[in-house]
Protein backbone atom coordinates (compact mmCIF):
# COMPACT_ATOMS: atom_id res chain seq x y z
CA MET A 1 -72.49 134.57 2.73
CA THR A 2 -70.72 135.10 6.07
CA PHE A 3 -72.09 131.88 7.58
CA ARG A 4 -71.45 129.63 4.40
CA ARG A 5 -68.03 128.34 5.04
CA ASP A 6 -66.10 127.78 8.56
CA ASP A 7 -63.39 130.62 7.72
CA PHE A 8 -62.50 131.01 11.32
CA HIS A 9 -59.99 128.36 11.20
CA THR A 10 -59.15 128.28 7.53
CA ALA A 11 -59.37 131.87 6.30
CA PRO A 12 -59.89 134.45 9.04
CA GLY A 13 -59.05 137.20 6.93
CA THR A 14 -61.76 136.06 4.29
CA LEU A 15 -64.29 136.02 7.22
CA SER A 16 -63.04 139.49 8.31
CA ARG A 17 -63.87 140.84 4.91
CA TRP A 18 -67.25 139.31 4.91
CA TYR A 19 -67.76 141.05 8.42
CA ALA A 20 -66.45 144.17 7.03
CA LEU A 21 -69.03 144.06 4.02
CA ALA A 22 -72.07 143.28 6.17
CA TRP A 23 -71.11 146.40 8.37
CA VAL A 24 -70.85 148.66 5.54
CA LEU A 25 -74.51 147.37 4.41
CA PHE A 26 -75.47 147.91 7.83
CA ALA A 27 -74.31 151.37 8.06
CA ALA A 28 -76.08 152.31 5.11
CA ALA A 29 -79.38 150.82 6.09
CA ALA A 30 -79.39 152.32 9.53
CA TRP A 31 -78.96 155.81 7.80
CA THR A 32 -81.60 155.32 5.23
CA VAL A 33 -84.29 154.18 7.85
CA ARG A 34 -83.96 157.73 9.42
CA ARG A 35 -85.85 159.33 6.56
CA LEU A 36 -88.87 157.18 7.35
CA GLY A 37 -91.89 157.85 9.75
CA ALA A 38 -91.84 156.33 13.10
CA ARG A 39 -94.54 153.94 11.94
CA GLN A 40 -92.99 152.85 8.96
CA ALA A 41 -89.67 152.74 10.65
CA ALA A 42 -90.91 150.43 13.25
CA VAL A 43 -92.30 147.99 10.68
CA PHE A 44 -89.06 147.69 8.90
CA VAL A 45 -86.96 147.63 11.94
CA LEU A 46 -89.05 144.55 13.37
CA VAL A 47 -89.30 142.75 10.28
CA GLY A 48 -85.89 143.26 9.61
CA SER A 49 -84.85 142.05 13.00
CA ALA A 50 -86.37 138.76 12.28
CA ALA A 51 -84.71 138.25 8.87
CA VAL A 52 -81.45 139.48 10.03
CA ALA A 53 -81.35 136.86 13.15
CA ALA A 54 -82.66 134.19 10.64
CA THR A 55 -79.40 134.32 8.83
CA GLY A 56 -77.52 132.98 12.13
CA LEU A 57 -79.50 129.74 11.80
CA LEU A 58 -77.99 128.77 8.27
CA GLY A 59 -75.18 126.75 10.16
CA PRO A 60 -73.53 125.56 13.27
CA PRO A 61 -71.50 127.96 15.29
CA ARG A 62 -68.64 129.49 13.33
CA THR A 63 -66.57 131.33 15.85
CA SER A 64 -67.20 129.80 19.38
CA THR A 65 -67.86 126.68 21.09
CA ASP A 66 -69.54 128.08 24.17
CA ALA A 67 -72.80 126.94 22.99
CA TYR A 68 -71.92 123.44 23.55
CA ARG A 69 -71.40 123.95 26.87
CA TYR A 70 -74.85 125.38 27.38
CA ALA A 71 -76.10 122.04 26.00
CA TRP A 72 -74.16 120.20 28.42
CA ASP A 73 -74.80 122.19 31.42
CA GLY A 74 -78.78 121.86 30.47
CA ARG A 75 -78.41 118.18 29.97
CA VAL A 76 -76.75 117.76 33.38
CA GLN A 77 -79.25 119.73 35.18
CA ALA A 78 -82.05 117.61 33.47
CA ALA A 79 -80.42 114.47 34.99
CA GLY A 80 -80.78 116.07 38.58
CA ILE A 81 -77.05 116.84 39.16
CA SER A 82 -75.71 120.48 39.73
CA PRO A 83 -73.69 121.81 37.01
CA TYR A 84 -71.37 123.23 39.60
CA ASP A 85 -70.38 119.90 41.10
CA HIS A 86 -68.62 118.21 38.35
CA ALA A 87 -66.43 119.10 35.19
CA PRO A 88 -67.45 117.58 32.01
CA GLU A 89 -64.65 115.31 31.86
CA ASP A 90 -65.39 113.98 35.23
CA PRO A 91 -65.93 109.87 34.81
CA ALA A 92 -69.28 110.43 37.09
CA LEU A 93 -70.78 112.37 34.34
CA ALA A 94 -69.82 109.37 31.64
CA PRO A 95 -73.36 108.20 31.39
CA LEU A 96 -74.68 111.48 29.62
CA ARG A 97 -72.13 111.36 27.20
CA ASP A 98 -73.14 110.82 23.42
CA ARG A 99 -71.02 111.08 19.95
CA TRP A 100 -72.49 114.50 19.47
CA LEU A 101 -70.86 116.18 22.51
CA PHE A 102 -68.14 113.69 23.04
CA PRO A 103 -67.04 112.20 19.57
CA LYS A 104 -64.69 109.04 19.16
CA GLY A 105 -62.10 107.86 16.91
CA SER A 106 -61.79 109.81 13.44
CA ALA A 107 -64.34 112.58 14.49
CA CYS A 108 -61.74 113.79 16.80
CA HIS A 109 -59.31 114.99 14.24
CA GLY A 110 -60.89 118.51 13.93
CA PRO A 111 -60.61 121.77 15.42
CA ASP A 112 -62.00 122.79 18.55
CA ARG A 113 -61.72 119.31 20.01
CA ALA A 114 -60.37 118.68 23.51
CA PRO A 115 -59.20 115.28 24.83
CA VAL A 116 -60.88 113.51 27.53
CA ARG A 117 -60.41 110.67 29.61
CA PRO A 118 -62.39 107.60 28.29
CA ALA A 119 -65.46 106.44 29.87
CA ALA A 120 -65.04 103.18 32.27
CA GLU A 121 -68.44 101.90 30.68
CA PRO A 122 -70.62 102.83 27.72
CA PRO A 123 -73.93 104.59 28.78
CA ALA A 124 -76.75 102.35 29.29
CA PRO A 125 -79.03 102.09 26.24
CA GLY A 126 -82.33 104.16 26.97
CA ALA A 127 -81.06 105.48 30.55
CA HIS A 128 -81.21 109.16 29.23
CA PRO A 129 -83.55 109.71 26.44
CA ARG A 130 -82.29 113.05 25.55
CA THR A 131 -78.51 111.79 24.84
CA ASP A 132 -79.35 109.97 21.87
CA PRO A 133 -76.39 110.20 19.29
CA ALA A 134 -77.04 113.14 17.23
CA PRO A 135 -75.82 114.18 13.62
CA ASP A 136 -71.99 115.02 13.98
CA HIS A 137 -71.06 118.69 12.52
CA ALA A 138 -67.70 117.96 11.51
CA PRO A 139 -65.58 120.80 10.15
CA ASN A 140 -64.74 121.06 6.64
CA THR A 141 -60.88 120.98 6.95
CA PRO A 142 -58.66 118.99 9.30
CA SER A 143 -56.57 122.00 10.21
CA ASN A 144 -55.81 123.06 13.79
CA THR A 145 -56.46 119.61 15.03
CA ARG A 146 -56.12 118.28 18.78
CA LYS A 147 -55.73 114.68 19.03
CA ALA A 148 -57.18 112.93 21.94
CA PRO A 149 -55.18 110.79 24.35
CA GLY A 150 -53.93 107.24 23.07
CA HIS A 151 -55.79 104.17 23.14
CA THR A 152 -56.83 102.35 26.17
CA ARG A 153 -56.67 98.70 26.39
CA GLY A 154 -59.47 96.78 28.21
CA THR A 155 -60.61 93.22 28.14
CA SER A 156 -61.88 93.40 24.75
CA GLY A 157 -59.17 95.21 22.93
CA PRO A 158 -58.19 98.73 22.44
CA ALA A 159 -60.94 101.26 22.91
CA GLU A 160 -61.69 104.39 20.64
CA SER A 161 -59.88 107.60 21.54
CA GLN A 162 -62.45 110.23 22.70
CA CYS A 163 -62.65 113.84 22.93
CA THR A 164 -65.19 116.73 23.35
CA ARG A 165 -66.50 119.63 21.65
CA LEU A 166 -66.78 121.68 24.96
CA ASN A 167 -63.92 124.07 26.04
CA ARG A 168 -62.25 123.73 29.19
CA PRO A 169 -63.71 120.09 29.89
CA ALA A 170 -61.32 120.07 32.92
CA VAL A 171 -62.97 123.02 34.74
CA HIS A 172 -66.43 123.44 36.62
CA THR A 173 -69.10 125.81 34.67
CA ILE A 174 -68.70 129.47 35.22
CA TYR A 175 -72.39 130.77 34.14
CA PRO A 176 -74.63 132.27 36.70
CA PRO A 177 -78.12 130.77 37.90
CA VAL A 178 -80.47 132.57 35.45
CA ALA A 179 -78.28 131.41 32.69
CA GLU A 180 -78.43 127.75 34.01
CA GLY A 181 -82.11 128.08 34.25
CA TYR A 182 -82.23 129.19 30.46
CA PHE A 183 -80.04 126.20 29.34
CA LEU A 184 -82.42 123.96 31.24
CA LEU A 185 -85.43 125.30 29.75
CA VAL A 186 -84.24 124.99 26.36
CA HIS A 187 -83.18 121.48 27.08
CA ARG A 188 -86.40 120.61 28.34
CA SER A 189 -88.27 122.37 25.16
CA ALA A 190 -86.22 120.78 22.51
CA PRO A 191 -86.95 117.63 20.57
CA SER A 192 -85.07 114.49 21.52
CA GLY A 193 -81.69 114.29 19.38
CA SER A 194 -81.58 117.91 18.57
CA THR A 195 -78.27 119.71 18.59
CA LEU A 196 -77.56 123.31 18.83
CA LEU A 197 -80.66 124.70 16.82
CA PRO A 198 -82.75 125.10 19.75
CA LEU A 199 -80.10 127.18 21.36
CA GLN A 200 -79.66 129.32 18.12
CA THR A 201 -83.41 129.39 17.94
CA GLY A 202 -83.78 130.77 21.44
CA GLY A 203 -80.89 133.21 20.74
CA ALA A 204 -83.15 134.52 17.52
CA LEU A 205 -86.20 134.93 19.90
CA LEU A 206 -84.39 136.85 22.39
CA SER A 207 -82.72 139.37 19.70
CA VAL A 208 -86.15 139.89 18.40
CA ALA A 209 -87.60 140.59 21.69
CA THR A 210 -84.87 142.91 22.53
CA THR A 211 -85.86 144.73 19.07
CA ALA A 212 -89.34 144.77 20.53
CA VAL A 213 -88.62 146.45 23.97
CA LEU A 214 -86.65 148.99 21.89
CA LEU A 215 -89.63 149.89 19.86
CA ALA A 216 -91.99 150.07 22.56
CA ALA A 217 -89.82 152.35 24.26
CA ALA A 218 -89.35 154.58 21.57
CA ARG A 219 -92.88 155.46 21.45
CA ARG A 220 -92.59 157.17 24.67
CA ARG A 221 -89.69 159.29 23.59
CA SER A 222 -89.88 162.95 22.72
CA ASP A 223 -89.03 162.10 19.29
CA PRO A 224 -90.30 158.65 18.48
CA ARG A 225 -89.40 158.92 14.87
CA LEU A 226 -85.60 159.17 15.67
CA ALA A 227 -85.91 156.57 18.53
CA THR A 228 -87.60 154.09 16.50
CA ALA A 229 -84.87 154.37 13.46
CA ARG A 230 -82.05 153.99 16.61
CA ALA A 231 -83.55 150.60 17.27
CA ALA A 232 -82.04 149.38 14.05
CA LEU A 233 -78.64 149.89 15.41
CA TRP A 234 -79.44 146.82 17.45
CA ALA A 235 -81.86 145.13 15.10
CA TRP A 236 -79.57 145.15 12.00
CA CYS A 237 -76.07 144.92 13.60
CA PRO A 238 -74.11 142.13 12.27
CA ALA A 239 -72.80 141.34 15.71
CA VAL A 240 -76.39 140.16 16.68
CA PRO A 241 -77.01 137.31 14.04
CA VAL A 242 -73.27 136.40 14.48
CA GLU A 243 -72.92 136.12 18.23
CA ALA A 244 -76.51 136.18 19.73
CA VAL A 245 -77.92 133.65 16.93
CA ASN A 246 -75.11 131.74 15.19
CA ASN A 247 -72.99 131.28 18.27
CA ALA A 248 -76.07 131.40 20.64
CA HIS A 249 -74.26 133.25 23.38
CA VAL A 250 -76.44 133.67 26.48
CA ASP A 251 -75.39 137.45 26.50
CA ALA A 252 -78.39 137.99 24.31
CA LEU A 253 -80.63 136.98 27.35
CA GLY A 254 -78.51 139.46 29.45
CA VAL A 255 -79.00 141.92 27.07
CA LEU A 256 -83.02 141.67 26.75
CA LEU A 257 -83.05 141.92 30.65
CA THR A 258 -80.77 144.80 30.74
CA VAL A 259 -82.57 146.83 28.36
CA ALA A 260 -85.99 146.06 29.89
CA GLY A 261 -84.75 147.25 33.13
CA LEU A 262 -82.95 150.30 32.05
CA VAL A 263 -86.29 151.34 30.26
CA ALA A 264 -88.49 150.64 33.65
CA VAL A 265 -86.00 152.36 35.90
CA PRO A 266 -87.21 156.16 35.12
CA ARG A 267 -90.77 155.23 36.03
CA ARG A 268 -90.79 152.12 38.24
CA ARG A 269 -87.62 151.69 40.10
CA ALA A 270 -88.16 148.47 41.80
CA LEU A 271 -89.14 146.77 38.61
CA GLY A 272 -86.06 147.98 36.89
CA GLY A 273 -83.95 146.83 39.77
CA VAL A 274 -85.57 143.30 39.61
CA LEU A 275 -84.64 143.22 35.70
CA LEU A 276 -81.27 144.34 36.09
CA GLY A 277 -80.39 141.64 38.98
CA ALA A 278 -81.87 139.01 36.73
CA ALA A 279 -79.59 140.27 33.68
CA ILE A 280 -76.52 140.27 36.25
CA ALA A 281 -77.72 136.69 37.14
CA ALA A 282 -77.68 135.87 33.54
CA LYS A 283 -74.53 137.26 32.70
CA LEU A 284 -72.40 139.26 35.08
CA LEU A 285 -71.43 142.13 32.77
CA PRO A 286 -74.57 143.91 33.10
CA ALA A 287 -73.37 144.87 36.45
CA ALA A 288 -71.55 147.54 34.77
CA THR A 289 -74.75 149.18 33.88
CA LEU A 290 -75.75 149.70 37.50
CA PRO A 291 -74.38 153.18 37.91
CA GLY A 292 -76.32 154.28 34.76
CA ALA A 293 -79.48 153.19 36.48
CA LEU A 294 -78.65 155.66 39.17
CA SER A 295 -77.79 158.45 37.08
CA GLY A 296 -77.89 161.81 38.41
CA ILE A 297 -79.28 160.36 41.61
CA LEU A 298 -76.66 162.68 43.72
CA ALA A 299 -77.49 165.91 41.43
CA MET A 300 -81.46 165.21 41.98
CA ASN A 301 -81.04 165.06 45.87
CA SER A 302 -78.16 167.66 46.30
CA LYS A 303 -80.31 170.55 46.85
CA THR A 304 -82.61 170.70 50.08
CA PRO A 305 -86.35 171.98 49.61
CA LYS A 306 -87.01 175.60 50.58
CA THR A 307 -89.12 176.58 53.28
CA PRO A 308 -91.83 179.20 52.82
CA LYS A 309 -90.61 181.20 55.92
CA ALA A 310 -87.63 180.60 57.99
CA PRO A 311 -88.11 180.62 61.93
CA GLU A 312 -87.12 183.49 63.71
CA ASN A 313 -84.85 182.01 65.81
CA ALA A 314 -82.94 180.03 63.19
CA GLY A 315 -79.25 179.62 63.69
CA SER A 316 -76.43 179.70 61.29
CA PRO A 317 -76.58 178.16 57.79
CA ALA A 318 -75.67 174.46 57.63
CA SER A 319 -72.01 173.60 56.73
CA PRO A 320 -71.10 172.05 53.41
CA THR A 321 -70.47 168.99 55.29
CA THR A 322 -74.00 168.75 56.63
CA ARG A 323 -75.74 169.68 53.42
CA LEU A 324 -73.54 166.78 51.67
CA ARG A 325 -74.64 164.43 54.62
CA ARG A 326 -78.15 165.39 53.87
CA ALA A 327 -77.85 164.91 50.13
CA ALA A 328 -76.20 161.45 50.58
CA ALA A 329 -79.21 160.67 53.12
CA THR A 330 -81.83 161.60 50.74
CA ALA A 331 -80.12 159.78 47.93
CA VAL A 332 -80.18 156.30 49.95
CA ARG A 333 -83.97 155.71 49.20
CA PRO A 334 -84.08 156.11 45.44
CA ALA A 335 -80.88 154.01 45.36
CA ALA A 336 -81.79 151.20 47.52
CA ALA A 337 -85.08 151.24 45.55
CA ILE A 338 -83.05 149.81 42.41
CA VAL A 339 -80.12 148.23 44.02
CA LEU A 340 -81.82 146.12 46.84
CA PRO A 341 -84.33 144.32 44.25
CA ALA A 342 -81.31 143.64 41.98
CA ALA A 343 -79.42 142.11 45.01
CA ALA A 344 -82.32 140.12 46.00
CA VAL A 345 -82.98 138.72 42.48
CA VAL A 346 -79.09 137.80 42.20
CA ALA A 347 -79.09 135.99 45.68
CA LEU A 348 -82.25 134.21 45.24
CA GLY A 349 -80.99 132.91 41.86
CA TYR A 350 -78.05 131.34 43.50
CA LEU A 351 -79.84 130.05 46.35
CA PRO A 352 -81.25 126.63 44.70
CA TYR A 353 -77.73 126.07 43.57
CA VAL A 354 -76.18 126.58 46.85
CA LEU A 355 -78.67 124.36 48.47
CA LEU A 356 -77.97 121.67 45.66
CA SER A 357 -74.23 121.98 44.94
CA ARG A 358 -71.47 120.43 46.80
CA SER A 359 -68.93 122.67 45.21
CA SER A 360 -68.81 126.52 44.94
CA VAL A 361 -71.38 128.03 42.72
CA LEU A 362 -68.71 130.31 41.65
CA GLY A 363 -67.32 127.53 39.62
CA TYR A 364 -64.53 128.70 37.30
CA LEU A 365 -64.86 132.16 37.44
CA THR A 366 -61.77 133.09 39.58
CA GLY A 367 -59.62 130.96 37.18
CA TYR A 368 -61.22 132.64 34.11
CA VAL A 369 -60.33 136.00 35.61
CA ALA A 370 -56.74 134.78 35.76
CA GLU A 371 -56.62 133.29 32.53
CA GLU A 372 -57.94 136.17 30.79
CA GLY A 373 -54.99 138.19 32.11
CA TYR A 374 -57.00 140.41 34.38
CA GLU A 375 -55.06 139.28 37.39
CA THR A 376 -52.35 141.72 38.89
CA GLY A 377 -48.95 140.40 37.41
CA SER A 378 -50.85 137.78 35.15
CA THR A 379 -48.72 136.59 32.20
CA ALA A 380 -51.57 136.09 30.10
CA ALA A 381 -52.48 139.79 29.94
CA ASP A 382 -49.37 139.88 27.38
CA ASP A 383 -50.41 136.79 25.54
CA LYS A 384 -54.15 137.91 25.12
CA ASN A 385 -53.30 141.54 24.45
CA ARG A 386 -55.36 142.86 27.74
CA TYR A 387 -55.12 146.37 28.40
CA ALA A 388 -54.04 147.15 24.77
CA LEU A 389 -54.50 150.92 25.12
CA LEU A 390 -52.87 151.11 28.22
CA ARG A 391 -49.95 148.96 26.76
CA LEU A 392 -49.32 151.97 24.54
CA VAL A 393 -48.48 154.17 27.69
CA HIS A 394 -46.23 151.29 29.28
CA PRO A 395 -45.06 148.20 27.59
CA ALA A 396 -45.95 145.93 30.94
CA PRO A 397 -49.23 147.08 32.49
CA GLU A 398 -49.95 143.89 34.27
CA SER A 399 -48.59 145.21 37.54
CA TRP A 400 -50.23 148.45 37.72
CA ALA A 401 -53.34 148.50 35.28
CA LEU A 402 -56.12 147.20 37.75
CA PRO A 403 -55.71 150.05 40.16
CA VAL A 404 -55.58 152.66 37.19
CA VAL A 405 -58.58 150.91 35.72
CA ALA A 406 -60.52 151.10 39.01
CA ALA A 407 -59.73 154.81 39.73
CA VAL A 408 -60.62 155.82 36.12
CA LEU A 409 -63.84 153.91 36.71
CA LEU A 410 -64.83 155.48 40.04
CA VAL A 411 -64.18 158.79 38.41
CA VAL A 412 -66.82 157.92 35.56
CA VAL A 413 -69.21 156.40 38.09
CA ALA A 414 -69.16 159.71 40.05
CA TRP A 415 -69.68 161.85 37.08
CA VAL A 416 -72.49 159.64 36.30
CA LEU A 417 -74.10 159.83 39.62
CA LEU A 418 -73.51 163.57 39.84
CA ARG A 419 -74.21 164.76 36.10
CA GLY A 420 -76.25 161.96 34.67
CA ASP A 421 -79.65 162.47 33.10
CA PRO A 422 -82.23 160.42 35.22
CA GLY A 423 -84.49 160.21 32.40
CA ARG A 424 -82.12 158.64 30.33
CA PRO A 425 -80.33 155.97 32.39
CA TRP A 426 -79.02 154.09 29.40
CA ARG A 427 -76.61 157.07 28.61
CA GLY A 428 -74.83 156.60 31.86
CA ALA A 429 -74.70 152.98 31.54
CA LEU A 430 -73.18 153.28 27.96
CA VAL A 431 -70.40 155.57 29.34
CA VAL A 432 -69.54 153.38 32.44
CA THR A 433 -69.58 150.08 30.17
CA GLY A 434 -67.84 151.37 27.15
CA THR A 435 -65.19 153.11 29.34
CA ALA A 436 -64.51 149.67 30.77
CA PHE A 437 -63.95 148.08 27.54
CA LEU A 438 -61.65 150.64 26.29
CA LEU A 439 -59.67 150.19 29.42
CA MET A 440 -59.65 146.47 29.45
CA THR A 441 -59.95 145.75 25.86
CA PRO A 442 -61.66 142.12 26.12
CA GLY A 443 -60.98 139.95 23.17
CA TYR A 444 -64.38 138.26 22.85
CA PRO A 445 -66.56 140.34 20.41
CA TRP A 446 -69.94 138.77 21.92
CA TYR A 447 -69.33 140.73 25.08
CA ALA A 448 -69.89 143.77 23.32
CA LEU A 449 -73.61 142.98 22.53
CA LEU A 450 -74.44 144.79 25.51
CA VAL A 451 -72.71 147.95 24.13
CA VAL A 452 -74.70 147.37 21.02
CA ALA A 453 -78.07 147.56 22.84
CA LEU A 454 -77.10 150.49 24.88
CA VAL A 455 -76.07 152.55 21.67
CA ALA A 456 -79.65 151.64 20.13
CA LEU A 457 -81.18 153.12 23.32
CA ASP A 458 -78.96 156.34 23.26
CA GLY A 459 -78.15 157.04 19.77
CA ARG A 460 -74.46 157.79 20.26
CA TRP A 461 -73.29 155.34 17.23
CA GLU A 462 -69.86 156.11 17.66
CA TRP A 463 -69.38 153.60 20.33
CA LEU A 464 -70.27 151.01 17.74
CA GLY A 465 -66.40 150.79 17.09
CA LEU A 466 -66.18 148.61 20.31
CA PRO A 467 -67.92 145.49 18.88
CA LEU A 468 -65.45 145.93 15.56
CA ALA A 469 -62.51 146.18 17.78
CA GLY A 470 -63.49 142.96 19.55
CA VAL A 471 -63.88 141.28 15.94
CA ALA A 472 -60.32 142.64 15.01
CA GLN A 473 -58.88 141.25 18.25
CA TYR A 474 -60.65 137.89 18.05
CA VAL A 475 -61.02 136.96 14.01
CA THR A 476 -58.57 139.23 12.24
CA ALA A 477 -55.80 139.18 14.40
CA ARG A 478 -55.59 135.42 13.42
CA ALA A 479 -54.93 135.99 9.86
CA VAL A 480 -51.65 137.82 10.53
CA ASP A 481 -48.39 136.79 12.28
CA ASP A 482 -48.15 138.44 15.72
CA GLY A 483 -51.53 139.97 15.39
CA ALA A 484 -51.56 141.70 18.75
CA TRP A 485 -51.14 145.00 16.83
CA VAL A 486 -54.38 144.50 15.09
CA GLY A 487 -56.51 144.37 18.24
CA THR A 488 -54.60 147.33 19.59
CA LEU A 489 -55.22 149.33 16.51
CA GLY A 490 -59.01 148.30 16.55
CA TYR A 491 -59.52 149.56 19.97
CA ALA A 492 -57.42 152.76 19.42
CA VAL A 493 -59.49 153.52 16.49
CA ALA A 494 -62.75 152.96 18.64
CA GLY A 495 -61.34 155.12 21.35
CA ALA A 496 -60.76 157.84 18.79
CA ALA A 497 -64.16 157.68 17.52
CA VAL A 498 -65.82 158.04 20.83
CA MET A 499 -63.55 161.06 21.39
CA ALA A 500 -64.28 162.58 18.11
CA GLY A 501 -67.97 161.97 18.81
CA TRP A 502 -67.83 163.80 22.21
CA ALA A 503 -65.86 166.60 20.67
CA VAL A 504 -68.45 167.19 18.05
CA ARG A 505 -71.49 167.12 20.39
CA ALA A 506 -69.77 169.55 22.54
CA LEU A 507 -69.28 172.04 19.67
CA ARG A 508 -72.88 171.53 18.64
CA ALA A 509 -73.99 172.20 22.23
CA ALA A 510 -71.89 175.31 22.56
CA SER A 511 -73.01 176.76 19.36
CA ALA A 512 -76.82 175.85 19.79
CA PRO A 513 -79.24 178.61 20.63
CA PRO A 514 -79.97 179.30 24.35
CA PRO A 515 -82.80 176.92 25.88
CA PRO A 516 -86.23 178.24 25.70
CA GLY A 517 -87.85 179.93 28.69
CA PRO A 518 -89.87 178.24 31.63
CA HIS A 519 -93.17 178.52 29.86
CA ALA A 520 -91.78 177.76 26.24
CA GLU A 521 -92.16 174.30 24.65
CA ALA A 522 -89.25 172.24 23.84
CA PRO A 523 -89.27 171.04 20.19
CA GLY A 524 -90.77 167.45 19.89
CA ASP A 525 -92.08 167.52 23.76
CA ALA A 526 -95.59 168.13 24.74
CA ALA A 527 -96.09 170.61 27.87
CA THR A 528 -98.51 168.00 29.22
CA PRO A 529 -98.20 164.43 28.27
CA GLY A 530 -101.41 163.37 26.26
CA SER A 531 -102.61 167.02 25.74
CA PRO A 532 -103.75 167.65 21.85
CA PRO A 533 -102.28 170.36 19.83
CA GLY A 534 -103.68 173.81 20.48
CA SER A 535 -105.23 172.85 23.86
CA PRO A 536 -104.44 175.40 26.89
CA ALA A 537 -101.69 172.94 28.20
CA THR A 538 -99.63 173.46 24.89
CA ARG A 539 -100.88 176.69 24.03
CA PRO A 540 -97.90 179.42 24.67
CA ARG A 541 -98.48 182.02 27.43
CA ARG A 542 -98.96 185.64 26.28
CA ARG A 543 -96.94 188.27 28.11
CA ARG A 544 -98.88 191.18 29.27
CA VAL A 545 -97.33 194.41 28.18
CA PRO A 546 -98.13 197.69 30.06
CA ARG A 547 -99.79 200.39 28.02
């Protein structure tokens, strides 16, 4: 029902109510699946993941036009042109235009249309087999239209006005190399004349693959039943069919690689680093999870190993500075095992485009940062309601927000490196990423797909308020005049939920019984992996009592 009509432009309030109903049903289902055994829950979660993802295929994208840019970048690369060299409206790419991505005439009177300069000459017939005209998905209503430039006259009379479905057609692409490779792969695999269904299908496959990785990781957890049920927090979350499938955001690829990388880090650091590097090269946002991959790295190496016997001529004990230097030196190797492979993958991903491109491979990245209001002193921060929670402290945070955000994130990262659990790197990744969201309050809900996946790994469901806050700021705020307060309220509630969850867990930990002795067995954990019940490895030791 959420995907039946294009309510984003005509009735965002109605669309918000459908979102709310979907989230209520999701919460009830995610709570119910906790009652099942691990094997039963795995079947329900996986099958349900495919069913929920399939709903996103019921129509064209409803709330975003990014997928049209993906299709265009794939088409440009298939023609042997670097996507970083030309903006879509560049006349040099005119032969690649078709009526689907570049409508003409009356088809330009609709929402999400941007004017472009008309092509000097029409594309040659049959020159590009993958640019055949495709069925045009015109919106249901002509509201919020953007008209193309006026007619231009040539030797044969007035030409039709032309527009494009691509957003920001005057700027170069912003997407990293792994994302561009994905766009090319989908374009090459898609049937000729197809529109966005291949990209949406790719998003559905990526979301189900992420569910499969979560379920596979749950089998190795101390409580596989609970970990399997937590996978539903990703598999059935309404944000997944909306953003990963219907809107076909490439964030789904970054999420899959991030989840796989964090799952691999505790056992195989280099592999985890490679996967995290690929995730960063698909969507830059997963870089926020790197501190989580290094969770507890300073705590693990802060203690020097004890020697069986000190030499007779030993000098005075090492100073705190010396011990700290030794701890840092010991932490270098495990950190390098993760960071260096990640950096190498990012560099190797960009290398072919650097060699083939005449323009910067960073594309519109710096311009996008300024446009979104994340540049010091930017006036766009107020228009887009960035730093919404900091704005409650001071009405104009544009001049001081970035240093404050950097300082807070530095403290959080230091806490993760010192106190994080190396066996659960996703927990530190969730804390760092979630904190960044609360401080910067992005306005696009698909960014929070990464948060949803980290919640499914860690189980701290209170962080799911972040994708809901993104919906409030991006969709619901359009339904009211001066809707900035809607996004602020959404992020304030999300922050309060996180603090409440932290307080409840702290109280539970304080009232819990003391941990078992060194020879006792923790609930749900075997003393030796793979030991059968009742074996000497799992049998508690008896204390010998003197007579």
